[in-house]
Protein backbone atom coordinates (compact mmCIF):
# COMPACT_ATOMS: atom_id res chain seq x y z
CA MET A 1 -12.49 3.93 -24.76
CA ASN A 2 -10.39 6.33 -22.75
CA ASP A 3 -13.21 8.88 -21.66
CA GLN A 4 -12.40 9.61 -18.26
CA THR A 5 -15.29 9.74 -16.03
CA GLY A 6 -13.90 10.58 -12.60
CA TYR A 7 -14.87 13.61 -10.67
CA ASP A 8 -12.28 15.69 -8.53
CA ALA A 9 -11.61 16.35 -4.88
CA THR A 10 -14.03 17.89 -2.55
CA ILE A 11 -13.53 19.20 0.72
CA GLN A 12 -14.39 15.78 2.39
CA LEU A 13 -13.04 13.25 0.21
CA PRO A 14 -10.23 12.73 -2.53
CA GLU A 15 -11.08 12.50 -6.53
CA GLY A 16 -13.11 9.28 -7.42
CA ALA A 17 -11.38 7.65 -9.85
CA SER A 18 -13.18 4.31 -10.41
CA THR A 19 -16.97 2.97 -10.76
CA LEU A 20 -17.49 2.60 -7.43
CA ALA A 21 -16.75 5.73 -5.71
CA PRO A 22 -19.92 7.28 -6.96
CA HIS A 23 -21.94 4.28 -4.61
CA VAL A 24 -19.31 5.11 -1.84
CA ASP A 25 -19.63 8.85 -2.13
CA SER A 26 -23.35 9.02 -2.41
CA LEU A 27 -23.99 6.81 0.81
CA TYR A 28 -21.62 8.77 2.65
CA TYR A 29 -23.17 12.14 2.46
CA ASP A 30 -26.26 10.61 3.07
CA ILE A 31 -24.67 9.19 6.36
CA PHE A 32 -22.81 12.51 6.62
CA TRP A 33 -26.45 14.93 6.51
CA ILE A 34 -28.59 12.71 8.30
CA SER A 35 -25.86 12.98 10.92
CA VAL A 36 -25.98 17.19 10.47
CA ALA A 37 -29.55 17.29 10.97
CA PHE A 38 -29.76 15.28 13.71
CA PHE A 39 -27.03 16.87 15.64
CA VAL A 40 -28.92 20.43 14.83
CA ALA A 41 -32.25 19.35 15.74
CA ILE A 42 -30.80 17.44 18.72
CA VAL A 43 -28.52 20.56 20.27
CA GLY A 44 -31.45 22.90 18.94
CA CYS A 45 -34.03 20.83 21.66
CA MET A 46 -31.09 21.12 24.03
CA VAL A 47 -30.87 24.90 23.67
CA TRP A 48 -34.80 25.32 23.75
CA PHE A 49 -35.55 23.68 26.73
CA ALA A 50 -32.90 25.16 28.85
CA TYR A 51 -34.43 28.24 27.98
CA ARG A 52 -37.91 27.44 28.31
CA PHE A 53 -38.07 25.49 31.27
CA ARG A 54 -34.94 27.22 33.17
CA ARG A 55 -35.73 28.02 36.74
CA ARG A 56 -37.65 30.89 37.51
CA ARG A 57 -38.29 32.45 40.97
CA GLY A 58 -41.99 31.83 42.56
CA VAL A 59 -42.62 29.27 39.79
CA ARG A 60 -42.74 26.13 41.25
CA SER A 61 -42.06 23.36 38.32
CA LYS A 62 -44.41 20.17 37.82
CA PRO A 63 -43.32 17.03 37.33
CA PRO A 64 -41.73 15.67 34.28
CA GLY A 65 -45.04 14.18 32.02
CA HIS A 66 -44.69 10.63 29.90
CA HIS A 67 -45.56 10.81 26.19
CA THR A 68 -46.55 7.40 25.02
CA ALA A 69 -46.52 8.55 21.18
CA LEU A 70 -43.57 10.57 21.43
CA GLU A 71 -41.37 8.02 22.67
CA LEU A 72 -42.21 5.51 20.30
CA PHE A 73 -41.49 7.73 17.43
CA TRP A 74 -38.03 8.59 18.82
CA THR A 75 -37.77 4.76 19.25
CA PHE A 76 -38.83 3.43 16.24
CA SER A 77 -38.40 6.18 13.75
CA PRO A 78 -34.19 5.15 13.53
CA ILE A 79 -35.06 1.97 12.30
CA PHE A 80 -36.10 3.21 8.59
CA LEU A 81 -32.83 5.06 8.39
CA LEU A 82 -30.45 2.19 9.91
CA ALA A 83 -32.29 0.00 7.28
CA TYR A 84 -31.86 2.60 4.67
CA MET A 85 -27.77 2.54 5.82
CA PHE A 86 -27.87 -1.24 5.68
CA HIS A 87 -29.59 -1.86 2.68
CA GLN A 88 -27.10 0.79 0.69
CA GLY A 89 -24.07 -0.51 2.63
CA PHE A 90 -24.46 -4.31 1.92
CA GLU A 91 -25.14 -3.58 -1.89
CA GLY A 92 -22.11 -1.49 -2.14
CA PHE A 93 -20.22 -4.30 -0.41
CA MET A 94 -21.83 -7.30 -3.17
CA MET A 95 -20.81 -4.68 -5.68
CA MET A 96 -17.03 -4.73 -4.60
CA SER A 97 -16.87 -8.09 -4.14
CA ILE A 98 -18.13 -9.64 -6.84
CA PRO A 99 -15.88 -9.27 -9.84
CA PRO A 100 -17.27 -9.03 -13.60
CA GLU A 101 -16.71 -12.04 -15.83
CA ASN A 102 -14.08 -10.40 -17.87
CA ALA A 103 -11.92 -8.87 -14.98
CA MET A 104 -8.37 -9.27 -15.51
CA ASN A 105 -6.52 -11.06 -12.59
CA ILE A 106 -3.38 -9.84 -10.42
CA ARG A 107 -1.74 -11.21 -7.50
CA VAL A 108 -0.95 -9.00 -4.52
CA GLU A 109 1.74 -9.91 -2.10
CA ALA A 110 1.98 -7.56 0.84
CA ARG A 111 4.87 -8.04 3.31
CA GLN A 112 6.44 -6.23 6.33
CA TRP A 113 6.52 -3.16 4.45
CA SER A 114 6.29 -3.75 1.08
CA TRP A 115 3.89 -4.43 -1.76
CA ASN A 116 4.46 -6.73 -4.95
CA PHE A 117 2.20 -7.16 -7.76
CA LEU A 118 2.24 -10.37 -9.96
CA TYR A 119 0.83 -9.37 -13.35
CA PRO A 120 -0.54 -12.19 -15.99
CA THR A 121 2.33 -12.05 -18.31
CA GLY A 122 5.02 -12.71 -15.16
CA LYS A 123 6.03 -9.04 -14.84
CA VAL A 124 6.46 -8.39 -10.81
CA ASP A 125 6.57 -4.75 -9.85
CA GLY A 126 6.30 -2.90 -6.70
CA GLU A 127 3.80 -0.29 -8.17
CA LEU A 128 0.26 -1.28 -9.31
CA THR A 129 -0.58 -0.35 -13.38
CA VAL A 130 -3.70 -1.16 -15.13
CA PRO A 131 -5.78 -0.34 -17.83
CA ILE A 132 -8.77 2.48 -17.75
CA HIS A 133 -11.89 1.27 -18.34
CA ARG A 134 -11.19 -2.70 -17.88
CA PRO A 135 -12.15 -4.60 -14.49
CA VAL A 136 -9.17 -5.41 -12.32
CA ARG A 137 -9.47 -8.37 -9.54
CA LEU A 138 -6.78 -8.00 -6.94
CA ILE A 139 -5.85 -11.65 -5.41
CA MET A 140 -3.98 -10.53 -2.12
CA SER A 141 -2.11 -12.59 0.35
CA SER A 142 0.18 -12.31 3.14
CA HIS A 143 3.71 -13.64 3.68
CA PRO A 144 6.45 -13.94 6.13
CA ARG A 145 9.11 -10.80 6.10
CA GLY A 146 11.55 -13.80 6.97
CA ALA A 147 12.08 -17.25 8.23
CA ASN A 148 11.77 -15.80 11.89
CA ASN A 149 8.94 -13.39 10.98
CA PRO A 150 5.54 -14.78 10.54
CA ALA A 151 2.70 -13.15 8.34
CA VAL A 152 0.72 -10.01 9.41
CA LEU A 153 -2.20 -8.41 8.61
CA HIS A 154 -2.13 -5.82 6.41
CA SER A 155 -5.25 -3.59 4.41
CA PHE A 156 -4.76 -2.90 0.85
CA PHE A 157 -6.29 1.08 0.80
CA VAL A 158 -6.71 3.25 -2.73
CA PRO A 159 -8.83 6.21 -1.55
CA ALA A 160 -9.29 7.65 -4.45
CA LEU A 161 -10.85 4.14 -5.96
CA ARG A 162 -12.92 3.75 -2.69
CA ILE A 163 -11.54 0.17 -1.81
CA LYS A 164 -9.88 -1.39 1.23
CA ARG A 165 -9.76 -5.11 2.12
CA ASP A 166 -7.73 -6.65 4.50
CA VAL A 167 -4.69 -8.98 3.41
CA VAL A 168 -5.24 -11.55 5.92
CA PRO A 169 -2.28 -14.33 6.94
CA GLY A 170 -3.14 -18.14 5.92
CA MET A 171 -5.94 -17.13 3.53
CA TYR A 172 -6.55 -15.37 0.24
CA THR A 173 -8.29 -12.61 -0.03
CA SER A 174 -9.80 -10.67 -3.27
CA MET A 175 -11.77 -7.01 -4.37
CA TRP A 176 -12.09 -5.48 -7.84
CA PHE A 177 -12.34 -1.92 -8.87
CA GLU A 178 -12.40 -0.46 -12.73
CA ALA A 179 -10.58 2.81 -12.97
CA THR A 180 -12.52 5.80 -14.84
CA ARG A 181 -9.82 8.21 -14.46
CA LEU A 182 -6.30 8.08 -15.96
CA GLY A 183 -3.46 9.23 -13.43
CA THR A 184 -0.98 8.19 -10.79
CA TYR A 185 -3.11 7.46 -7.07
CA ASP A 186 -1.68 6.48 -3.53
CA ILE A 187 -1.72 2.94 -1.99
CA TYR A 188 -1.35 2.65 1.69
CA CYS A 189 -1.34 0.02 4.51
CA ALA A 190 -4.61 0.87 6.37
CA GLU A 191 -3.88 -2.08 9.23
CA TYR A 192 -0.96 -1.36 11.67
CA CYS A 193 1.66 -4.11 10.69
CA GLY A 194 4.90 -3.35 12.70
CA LEU A 195 7.90 -1.32 13.61
CA ASP A 196 11.27 -2.61 13.05
CA PRO A 197 12.89 -3.84 16.04
CA ILE A 198 15.82 -2.31 14.69
CA GLN A 199 14.68 1.03 14.07
CA GLY A 200 14.54 2.25 18.07
CA ASP A 201 18.39 1.70 17.82
CA LEU A 202 18.84 3.93 14.87
CA THR A 203 20.55 7.61 15.61
CA ASP A 204 18.74 10.57 14.29
CA GLU A 205 21.29 10.68 11.82
CA GLN A 206 20.09 7.02 10.37
CA LEU A 207 16.30 7.76 10.89
CA HIS A 208 16.69 10.55 8.29
CA ALA A 209 19.07 9.16 5.99
CA ASN A 210 18.28 10.43 2.47
CA GLY A 211 16.81 13.60 4.02
CA ARG A 212 13.86 12.57 4.95
CA PRO A 213 12.95 10.73 7.94
CA LEU A 214 12.59 6.91 7.51
CA ALA A 215 9.14 6.03 8.00
CA SER A 216 9.53 2.94 5.66
CA ALA A 217 11.44 1.22 8.13
CA GLY A 218 7.80 0.23 9.35
CA HIS A 219 4.12 0.27 8.81
CA SER A 220 4.08 4.09 7.98
CA GLY A 221 6.04 3.45 5.26
CA MET A 222 4.22 0.83 3.41
CA LEU A 223 3.35 3.03 0.72
CA SER A 224 3.25 2.56 -3.42
CA ARG A 225 1.42 3.79 -6.39
CA LEU A 226 -1.26 3.06 -8.90
CA HIS A 227 -0.72 3.90 -12.52
CA VAL A 228 -4.02 3.84 -14.69
CA VAL A 229 -2.88 3.86 -18.07
CA SER A 230 -4.35 3.27 -21.38
CA GLN A 231 -4.67 -0.32 -23.07
CA GLU A 232 -1.78 0.21 -25.09
CA GLU A 233 0.35 1.82 -22.70
CA TYR A 234 -0.48 -1.17 -20.17
CA ASP A 235 0.22 -4.17 -22.74
CA GLU A 236 3.44 -2.32 -23.42
CA TYR A 237 4.46 -1.66 -19.89
CA ALA A 238 3.14 -5.67 -19.11
CA ARG A 239 5.49 -7.05 -21.16
CA VAL A 240 8.05 -9.17 -19.29
CA GLY A 241 11.88 -7.76 -19.75
CA ARG A 242 13.13 -4.48 -19.36
CA PRO A 243 10.63 -1.89 -19.90
CA SER A 244 11.23 0.33 -23.52
CA GLU A 245 11.76 3.55 -21.49
CA PHE A 246 15.30 2.08 -20.12
CA ASP A 247 18.32 2.32 -22.12
CA THR A 248 20.46 0.01 -19.79
CA ASN A 249 20.03 -2.62 -17.02
CA VAL A 250 21.62 -0.09 -14.78
CA ALA A 251 18.98 2.65 -15.56
CA TRP A 252 16.04 -0.12 -14.90
CA GLY A 253 17.79 -1.38 -11.72
CA GLU A 254 17.78 2.12 -10.25
CA SER A 255 14.37 2.43 -10.57
CA LEU A 256 13.32 -1.20 -9.09
CA PHE A 257 15.44 -0.25 -6.15
CA GLY A 258 13.60 2.93 -5.54
CA GLN A 259 10.86 0.71 -5.71
CA ASN A 260 12.01 -2.32 -3.46
CA CYS A 261 14.79 -1.44 -1.37
CA THR A 262 15.41 2.02 0.21
CA ALA A 263 12.90 1.07 3.02
CA CYS A 264 15.99 -0.31 4.61
CA HIS A 265 19.03 0.44 2.43
CA VAL A 266 21.30 3.43 1.38
CA ILE A 267 23.28 3.42 -1.18
CA GLU A 268 25.88 6.43 -1.21
CA PRO A 269 29.36 6.13 0.19
CA GLY A 270 29.82 7.14 3.61
CA GLN A 271 26.30 7.18 4.11
CA ALA A 272 25.37 5.12 7.68
CA PRO A 273 23.22 2.08 6.83
CA THR A 274 20.13 2.34 7.95
CA VAL A 275 18.52 -1.16 8.81
CA GLY A 276 20.11 -2.96 6.33
CA PRO A 277 23.43 -2.33 5.16
CA ASN A 278 25.14 0.71 2.88
CA LEU A 279 25.17 -1.21 -0.42
CA SER A 280 27.88 0.98 -2.27
CA ASN A 281 31.21 -0.71 -2.90
CA VAL A 282 29.50 -4.07 -1.91
CA VAL A 283 30.01 -5.76 -5.30
CA GLY A 284 33.42 -7.06 -5.76
CA TYR A 285 34.51 -7.04 -2.07
CA GLU A 286 34.25 -9.57 1.13
CA GLN A 287 31.32 -9.31 3.12
CA PRO A 288 31.42 -10.29 6.85
CA ILE A 289 28.94 -13.12 7.45
CA ALA A 290 27.59 -13.38 10.55
CA GLY A 291 28.18 -16.92 12.02
CA GLY A 292 29.92 -18.09 8.89
CA ALA A 293 33.14 -17.37 6.66
CA PRO A 294 33.28 -14.09 4.65
CA ARG A 295 31.53 -14.30 1.02
CA MET A 296 32.88 -12.45 -1.77
CA ALA A 297 29.77 -10.22 -3.22
CA ASP A 298 29.78 -11.60 -6.93
CA LEU A 299 26.79 -12.44 -8.88
CA ASP A 300 25.83 -15.58 -6.99
CA TYR A 301 26.37 -14.26 -3.84
CA MET A 302 23.89 -10.86 -4.70
CA ARG A 303 21.48 -13.12 -6.69
CA GLU A 304 21.11 -15.50 -3.07
CA SER A 305 20.95 -12.68 -0.89
CA ILE A 306 17.85 -11.33 -3.08
CA ARG A 307 16.36 -14.25 -3.24
CA GLU A 308 17.38 -15.63 0.05
CA PRO A 309 18.22 -12.99 2.31
CA GLN A 310 18.24 -15.03 5.70
CA ALA A 311 20.82 -17.53 3.88
CA ALA A 312 23.92 -15.89 4.33
CA ILE A 313 23.47 -12.05 6.83
CA VAL A 314 26.02 -9.50 6.83
CA GLU A 315 27.63 -8.88 10.67
CA GLY A 316 25.97 -6.43 12.41
CA PHE A 317 22.04 -6.82 10.83
CA THR A 318 20.93 -10.08 12.24
CA ASN A 319 17.68 -8.33 13.44
CA ALA A 320 16.72 -6.49 10.13
CA ALA A 321 15.14 -10.09 8.62
CA MET A 322 14.83 -8.33 5.24
CA PRO A 323 12.02 -10.34 3.27
CA SER A 324 12.89 -12.72 0.33
CA PHE A 325 12.25 -11.42 -3.07
CA GLY A 326 12.70 -14.63 -4.66
CA SER A 327 9.06 -13.97 -6.86
CA LEU A 328 10.69 -11.22 -8.85
CA PRO A 329 11.38 -12.36 -12.34
CA GLU A 330 15.22 -13.37 -13.25
CA ALA A 331 15.58 -10.60 -15.06
CA ASN A 332 14.46 -8.01 -12.77
CA ILE A 333 17.10 -9.32 -9.80
CA ASP A 334 19.76 -8.92 -12.76
CA ALA A 335 18.82 -5.99 -13.32
CA LEU A 336 18.91 -4.61 -9.73
CA ILE A 337 22.54 -6.70 -8.83
CA ALA A 338 23.65 -4.10 -12.46
CA TYR A 339 22.69 -0.82 -10.57
CA ILE A 340 24.01 -2.03 -6.75
CA ALA A 341 27.24 -3.08 -9.17
CA SER A 342 27.59 0.20 -10.81
CA ARG A 343 27.69 1.43 -7.24
CA SER A 344 30.78 -0.08 -7.09
CA ASP A 345 34.48 0.58 -8.01
CA ARG A 346 34.94 -2.79 -8.52
CA GLY A 347 31.48 -3.61 -10.19
CA GLU A 348 32.09 -2.64 -13.65
CA GLU A 349 32.82 -6.32 -14.78
CA LEU A 350 29.81 -7.02 -13.43
CA VAL A 351 28.01 -4.16 -14.52
CA THR A 352 29.10 -5.29 -18.52
CA GLN A 353 27.47 -8.77 -17.90
CA LEU A 354 24.63 -7.76 -16.63
CA ASN A 355 23.76 -5.03 -19.25
CA ALA A 356 22.62 -6.62 -21.99
CA GLU A 357 18.69 -6.85 -22.91
CA PRO A 358 17.25 -9.35 -20.59
CA GLU A 359 15.53 -12.27 -22.17
CA GLU A 360 12.10 -12.42 -23.31
C-alpha cells in the first residue's frame, strides 16, 4: 500500500506527512482561531470603551460600577476552553507516546553535532530512511562528543511529521510515527546543544569553507534528512553492505563523508582547515601527533582515527574533540577510508585494497 495521504503546506504550517499531523494541526488551528476571536473581542471592547466613556466637558462621570455575574462569567468561562485544550493536547501526547505493537524499532544516537540511525539489520547511517505506511519507533539516546566532553541535551524534531522529543543524557527517550507521504523531509535539533569552542578562533575564510558558512560547527548545523520510500526501496536500502547505487567503495565513501564528516573537515587540496584537519593528501603521509611521535596514515591509523579519534590527535587540533564513530559498521568505515585515500596522491594502493565489495 503506497497511497499517499499527506497534505500540502499552508501559510502557517509545513506539509503534513504522518498520521499524527492531522490531530496536531487541528488543535493548532483551534487554539489559533480561539486566540484570534478573543483578540478581536478584547481590542474591540477597548476601542469601544475608549470612545463611549471618553471625557466630556460639563459631564461628571459616575464611579465605576460592580457586576458580580459578569465578573464570574469572564473568570470561569475560560475553564471550559482550557479543559478542551488540555484534553486534546493530552490525547495527542498519548498518541505520540504509545507505539503500535508492530512498530519497527530504530535507534537514534545524538552527538555534538550529528545524528546516527541504527537499523534492525545492523545498518548505520547519518540520515533516516523509513517505509511509507509502516509504524516506526525511535529509541533515542545522547552520547558524548569525546573523552573530555560529556553528553548534552538534544531535541529530535521533524516539522513535516509534527514530532519532537528531547534526547536526554543518561536515559532513553522514545516516540513513534507513521509516514503517509513519500518524499524527503528536514530533521533538526530543536535544543541548543553548544557552539564548537574553537569556532570563535577561525578566520572568515575558514568559517565559509566550501562556499557556505560553517554553521555545522555547532548547534545550528546539526541537520539531517528523513527519506520516506516504498517498502521495496527500504528493504534494498537497509541491506547491510554497499548500497546498489554505488559502483565502488570510493563513491559510497564520498556519500558517507558528506553525511558524517563535512561538519568539521574539508578535503580539497590547499583549502584552509576548519574544525578538524584538511583530509586531502593525508593517507600515505606521516601525521604530527600532539604529545607523541608522528604516525603514518595507513589503514590501521585511519581506522583508529574514526573509531577512537582521541587516541592520536593531530597537532594543532587538540580542542576539536571529534566524536567516536565506532558504531559504524566495518564496511562503512572502509568505504570512508577508501574515499579519503582517493584524495591522496599516495593512496592508490589503499584504494585498490578497499574498493572491493564489502562483506555482507
